[in-house]
Each structure stands twice: as structure tokens, then as C-alpha cells.
Amino acid sequence: QERKWDLRTGMYWVSGAKSNLFSVPGGHVIPLVFAGKATAVKLTLSRTLLPSSRTVVESIVPGGKSWRRLVPTSGRTFSVPVVRGCAMVKIG
């Protein structure tokens, strides 16, 4: 799948993990890594990435069989489950 590293600043904020933002056909993905022994990571998306409440945000963890839809904990902030310190978030 074609992806392009998105280096714009202020697109999202993450607490408890390292991450990157990639543009992919149909939206964006954010791999979350090095979360240590945490079970969840806090992710806040900018209005650019989350323009409306209809924008779908999903995640998958290592060994996961399917993507799971995420619901904001407040505003544009999500609690993303992580397994073995990582997860993948898909926005689109």
C-alpha cells in the first residue's frame, strides 16, 4: 500500500509512546510504538485529521484479527489500547 511520511507539525499529540504520521489512500495511519508496559496510549487529533464526528478512527494491535473503532474519551482525544507496547491507528 502506498504511504507517504507526513511531517506537518501540530497534526496530533501522543502521550506515552513514540509515533509517526503517514498519508495513505483513504486517510492517514499512525503507528504507535515503544509504549512500554502501558495498556493504553492517549492520542489527540487535530481538526485537520478529525474534521467531523463522522470521521472513522480505528486501531489494531499486534495479533489482532480486525480493526476496532475508537470512540473519543473527550473532544478529539482517544485512549488507544496497546499490546506489547504498540498499536496502529487508522483515520479516514
N, C-alpha and C. Protein backbone atom coordinates (compact mmCIF):
# COMPACT_ATOMS: atom_id res chain seq x y z
N GLN A 1 0.85 -1.18 0.00
CA GLN A 1 0.00 0.00 0.00
C GLN A 1 0.90 1.24 0.00
N GLU A 2 0.57 2.21 -0.84
CA GLU A 2 1.36 3.42 -0.94
C GLU A 2 1.16 4.29 0.29
N ARG A 3 2.27 4.76 0.85
CA ARG A 3 2.19 5.65 2.01
C ARG A 3 3.26 6.72 1.88
N LYS A 4 2.97 7.88 2.47
CA LYS A 4 3.90 8.99 2.43
C LYS A 4 4.02 9.57 3.84
N TRP A 5 5.24 9.72 4.28
CA TRP A 5 5.50 10.25 5.61
C TRP A 5 5.01 11.69 5.65
N ASP A 6 4.16 12.02 6.61
CA ASP A 6 3.58 13.36 6.76
C ASP A 6 4.32 14.07 7.89
N LEU A 7 5.11 15.07 7.55
CA LEU A 7 5.96 15.74 8.53
C LEU A 7 5.37 17.05 9.07
N ARG A 8 4.12 17.32 8.79
CA ARG A 8 3.49 18.55 9.31
C ARG A 8 3.43 18.49 10.83
N THR A 9 3.66 19.64 11.47
CA THR A 9 3.59 19.71 12.93
C THR A 9 2.18 20.05 13.38
N GLY A 10 1.86 19.69 14.60
CA GLY A 10 0.57 20.03 15.18
C GLY A 10 -0.60 19.23 14.65
N MET A 11 -0.33 18.12 14.00
CA MET A 11 -1.42 17.29 13.45
C MET A 11 -2.03 16.38 14.52
N TYR A 12 -1.22 15.99 15.50
CA TYR A 12 -1.70 15.13 16.57
C TYR A 12 -0.72 15.22 17.73
N TRP A 13 -1.19 14.78 18.90
CA TRP A 13 -0.36 14.75 20.09
C TRP A 13 -0.55 13.38 20.73
N VAL A 14 0.57 12.79 21.15
CA VAL A 14 0.50 11.46 21.76
C VAL A 14 1.26 11.49 23.08
N SER A 15 0.71 10.80 24.06
CA SER A 15 1.33 10.72 25.38
C SER A 15 1.54 9.25 25.73
N GLY A 16 2.80 8.88 25.98
CA GLY A 16 3.09 7.52 26.41
C GLY A 16 3.66 6.61 25.34
N ALA A 17 3.95 7.14 24.15
CA ALA A 17 4.51 6.30 23.08
C ALA A 17 5.23 7.18 22.07
N LYS A 18 5.99 6.55 21.21
CA LYS A 18 6.61 7.22 20.05
C LYS A 18 5.69 6.97 18.86
N SER A 19 5.72 7.88 17.88
CA SER A 19 4.78 7.73 16.77
C SER A 19 5.24 8.50 15.53
N ASN A 20 4.58 8.21 14.42
CA ASN A 20 4.76 8.92 13.15
C ASN A 20 3.41 9.01 12.49
N LEU A 21 3.30 9.92 11.52
CA LEU A 21 2.06 10.09 10.77
C LEU A 21 2.35 9.81 9.30
N PHE A 22 1.52 8.97 8.69
CA PHE A 22 1.66 8.65 7.28
C PHE A 22 0.35 8.92 6.56
N SER A 23 0.43 9.53 5.38
CA SER A 23 -0.74 9.66 4.50
C SER A 23 -0.82 8.39 3.67
N VAL A 24 -2.01 7.81 3.61
CA VAL A 24 -2.26 6.61 2.83
C VAL A 24 -3.54 6.82 2.02
N PRO A 25 -3.76 6.03 0.98
CA PRO A 25 -5.02 6.17 0.25
C PRO A 25 -6.21 6.05 1.20
N GLY A 26 -7.08 7.01 1.20
CA GLY A 26 -8.26 6.98 2.06
C GLY A 26 -8.09 7.61 3.42
N GLY A 27 -6.92 8.16 3.74
CA GLY A 27 -6.76 8.79 5.05
C GLY A 27 -5.33 8.82 5.55
N HIS A 28 -5.17 8.49 6.84
CA HIS A 28 -3.87 8.52 7.50
C HIS A 28 -3.74 7.32 8.43
N VAL A 29 -2.50 6.95 8.74
CA VAL A 29 -2.23 5.96 9.77
C VAL A 29 -1.17 6.51 10.71
N ILE A 30 -1.27 6.11 11.97
CA ILE A 30 -0.30 6.50 12.99
C ILE A 30 0.14 5.23 13.71
N PRO A 31 1.36 4.73 13.43
CA PRO A 31 1.88 3.63 14.22
C PRO A 31 2.35 4.15 15.59
N LEU A 32 1.93 3.49 16.63
CA LEU A 32 2.34 3.84 18.00
C LEU A 32 3.28 2.75 18.48
N VAL A 33 4.47 3.13 18.94
CA VAL A 33 5.48 2.16 19.36
C VAL A 33 6.16 2.61 20.65
N PHE A 34 6.90 1.72 21.25
CA PHE A 34 7.67 1.98 22.48
C PHE A 34 6.81 2.53 23.62
N ALA A 35 5.63 1.93 23.79
CA ALA A 35 4.75 2.33 24.89
C ALA A 35 5.05 1.55 26.17
N GLY A 36 6.09 0.75 26.14
CA GLY A 36 6.48 0.01 27.34
C GLY A 36 5.42 -0.97 27.81
N LYS A 37 5.13 -0.96 29.10
CA LYS A 37 4.17 -1.89 29.67
C LYS A 37 2.76 -1.29 29.75
N ALA A 38 2.57 -0.11 29.15
CA ALA A 38 1.25 0.54 29.17
C ALA A 38 0.21 -0.34 28.48
N THR A 39 -1.05 -0.19 28.87
CA THR A 39 -2.14 -0.90 28.22
C THR A 39 -2.93 0.02 27.29
N ALA A 40 -2.67 1.35 27.41
CA ALA A 40 -3.34 2.33 26.55
C ALA A 40 -2.45 3.56 26.41
N VAL A 41 -2.65 4.27 25.30
CA VAL A 41 -1.90 5.49 25.00
C VAL A 41 -2.91 6.59 24.69
N LYS A 42 -2.66 7.80 25.16
CA LYS A 42 -3.54 8.93 24.91
C LYS A 42 -3.15 9.59 23.58
N LEU A 43 -4.12 9.74 22.67
CA LEU A 43 -3.91 10.32 21.35
C LEU A 43 -4.94 11.41 21.11
N THR A 44 -4.48 12.63 20.81
CA THR A 44 -5.37 13.74 20.47
C THR A 44 -5.11 14.13 19.03
N LEU A 45 -6.18 14.21 18.24
CA LEU A 45 -6.08 14.53 16.83
C LEU A 45 -6.46 15.99 16.57
N SER A 46 -5.78 16.62 15.63
CA SER A 46 -6.11 17.99 15.24
C SER A 46 -7.41 18.00 14.45
N ARG A 47 -7.96 19.19 14.27
CA ARG A 47 -9.18 19.32 13.45
C ARG A 47 -8.91 18.94 12.00
N THR A 48 -7.67 19.07 11.55
CA THR A 48 -7.31 18.68 10.19
C THR A 48 -7.48 17.18 10.00
N LEU A 49 -7.05 16.39 10.99
CA LEU A 49 -7.17 14.93 10.91
C LEU A 49 -8.57 14.44 11.28
N LEU A 50 -9.26 15.18 12.12
CA LEU A 50 -10.58 14.77 12.59
C LEU A 50 -11.56 15.92 12.34
N PRO A 51 -11.92 16.14 11.05
CA PRO A 51 -12.74 17.30 10.71
C PRO A 51 -14.19 17.21 11.18
N SER A 52 -14.70 16.00 11.40
CA SER A 52 -16.09 15.88 11.86
C SER A 52 -16.24 14.62 12.71
N SER A 53 -17.38 14.54 13.37
CA SER A 53 -17.64 13.38 14.22
C SER A 53 -17.90 12.13 13.38
N ARG A 54 -18.08 12.30 12.07
CA ARG A 54 -18.30 11.15 11.19
C ARG A 54 -16.99 10.51 10.72
N THR A 55 -15.86 11.17 10.98
CA THR A 55 -14.57 10.61 10.60
C THR A 55 -14.32 9.36 11.43
N VAL A 56 -14.00 8.26 10.77
CA VAL A 56 -13.80 6.98 11.45
C VAL A 56 -12.35 6.86 11.93
N VAL A 57 -12.19 6.53 13.20
CA VAL A 57 -10.87 6.28 13.80
C VAL A 57 -10.88 4.85 14.32
N GLU A 58 -9.92 4.04 13.86
CA GLU A 58 -9.86 2.64 14.24
C GLU A 58 -8.45 2.29 14.67
N SER A 59 -8.32 1.20 15.43
CA SER A 59 -6.99 0.73 15.82
C SER A 59 -6.93 -0.78 15.75
N ILE A 60 -5.69 -1.26 15.66
CA ILE A 60 -5.43 -2.69 15.70
C ILE A 60 -4.13 -2.89 16.47
N VAL A 61 -4.05 -3.98 17.20
CA VAL A 61 -2.86 -4.30 17.99
C VAL A 61 -2.18 -5.54 17.41
N PRO A 62 -0.91 -5.77 17.75
CA PRO A 62 -0.24 -6.98 17.27
C PRO A 62 -1.05 -8.22 17.64
N GLY A 63 -1.27 -9.07 16.68
CA GLY A 63 -2.05 -10.28 16.91
C GLY A 63 -3.55 -10.07 16.80
N GLY A 64 -3.98 -8.82 16.63
CA GLY A 64 -5.40 -8.53 16.49
C GLY A 64 -5.92 -9.05 15.16
N LYS A 65 -7.15 -9.52 15.16
CA LYS A 65 -7.72 -10.09 13.95
C LYS A 65 -8.48 -9.07 13.11
N SER A 66 -8.90 -7.96 13.74
CA SER A 66 -9.66 -6.96 12.99
C SER A 66 -9.48 -5.58 13.62
N TRP A 67 -9.76 -4.55 12.82
CA TRP A 67 -9.71 -3.17 13.30
C TRP A 67 -10.89 -2.93 14.22
N ARG A 68 -10.65 -2.14 15.31
CA ARG A 68 -11.71 -1.80 16.26
C ARG A 68 -11.92 -0.30 16.24
N ARG A 69 -13.16 0.11 16.13
CA ARG A 69 -13.49 1.54 16.10
C ARG A 69 -13.22 2.16 17.47
N LEU A 70 -12.58 3.33 17.46
CA LEU A 70 -12.30 4.05 18.69
C LEU A 70 -13.32 5.17 18.88
N VAL A 71 -13.72 5.37 20.11
CA VAL A 71 -14.65 6.45 20.47
C VAL A 71 -13.87 7.44 21.33
N PRO A 72 -14.01 8.75 21.05
CA PRO A 72 -13.25 9.74 21.84
C PRO A 72 -13.60 9.67 23.33
N THR A 73 -12.59 9.84 24.16
CA THR A 73 -12.84 9.92 25.60
C THR A 73 -13.28 11.33 25.97
N SER A 74 -12.85 12.31 25.19
CA SER A 74 -13.31 13.70 25.31
C SER A 74 -12.86 14.48 24.09
N GLY A 75 -13.73 15.26 23.51
CA GLY A 75 -13.38 16.08 22.36
C GLY A 75 -12.78 15.26 21.23
N ARG A 76 -11.50 15.52 20.94
CA ARG A 76 -10.78 14.82 19.88
C ARG A 76 -9.70 13.90 20.45
N THR A 77 -9.85 13.52 21.71
CA THR A 77 -8.86 12.67 22.41
C THR A 77 -9.37 11.24 22.52
N PHE A 78 -8.46 10.30 22.24
CA PHE A 78 -8.79 8.88 22.26
C PHE A 78 -7.84 8.14 23.20
N SER A 79 -8.32 7.08 23.81
CA SER A 79 -7.49 6.16 24.57
C SER A 79 -7.29 4.94 23.67
N VAL A 80 -6.07 4.77 23.17
CA VAL A 80 -5.78 3.71 22.21
C VAL A 80 -5.18 2.51 22.94
N PRO A 81 -5.84 1.35 22.88
CA PRO A 81 -5.27 0.15 23.51
C PRO A 81 -3.96 -0.24 22.81
N VAL A 82 -2.97 -0.67 23.60
CA VAL A 82 -1.71 -1.15 23.05
C VAL A 82 -1.40 -2.53 23.62
N VAL A 83 -0.73 -3.33 22.83
CA VAL A 83 -0.29 -4.67 23.24
C VAL A 83 1.19 -4.76 22.92
N ARG A 84 1.97 -5.26 23.87
CA ARG A 84 3.42 -5.33 23.70
C ARG A 84 4.01 -3.98 23.27
N GLY A 85 3.40 -2.90 23.78
CA GLY A 85 3.93 -1.56 23.55
C GLY A 85 3.64 -0.93 22.21
N CYS A 86 2.71 -1.52 21.43
CA CYS A 86 2.43 -0.90 20.14
C CYS A 86 0.99 -1.12 19.65
N ALA A 87 0.62 -0.29 18.68
CA ALA A 87 -0.68 -0.36 18.03
C ALA A 87 -0.60 0.44 16.74
N MET A 88 -1.59 0.28 15.89
CA MET A 88 -1.70 1.06 14.67
C MET A 88 -3.06 1.74 14.69
N VAL A 89 -3.07 3.05 14.38
CA VAL A 89 -4.32 3.81 14.32
C VAL A 89 -4.56 4.19 12.87
N LYS A 90 -5.80 4.02 12.43
CA LYS A 90 -6.20 4.39 11.06
C LYS A 90 -7.29 5.44 11.14
N ILE A 91 -7.12 6.53 10.37
CA ILE A 91 -8.06 7.64 10.37
C ILE A 91 -8.55 7.83 8.93
N GLY A 92 -9.86 7.85 8.76
CA GLY A 92 -10.34 8.06 7.40
C GLY A 92 -11.76 7.69 7.19
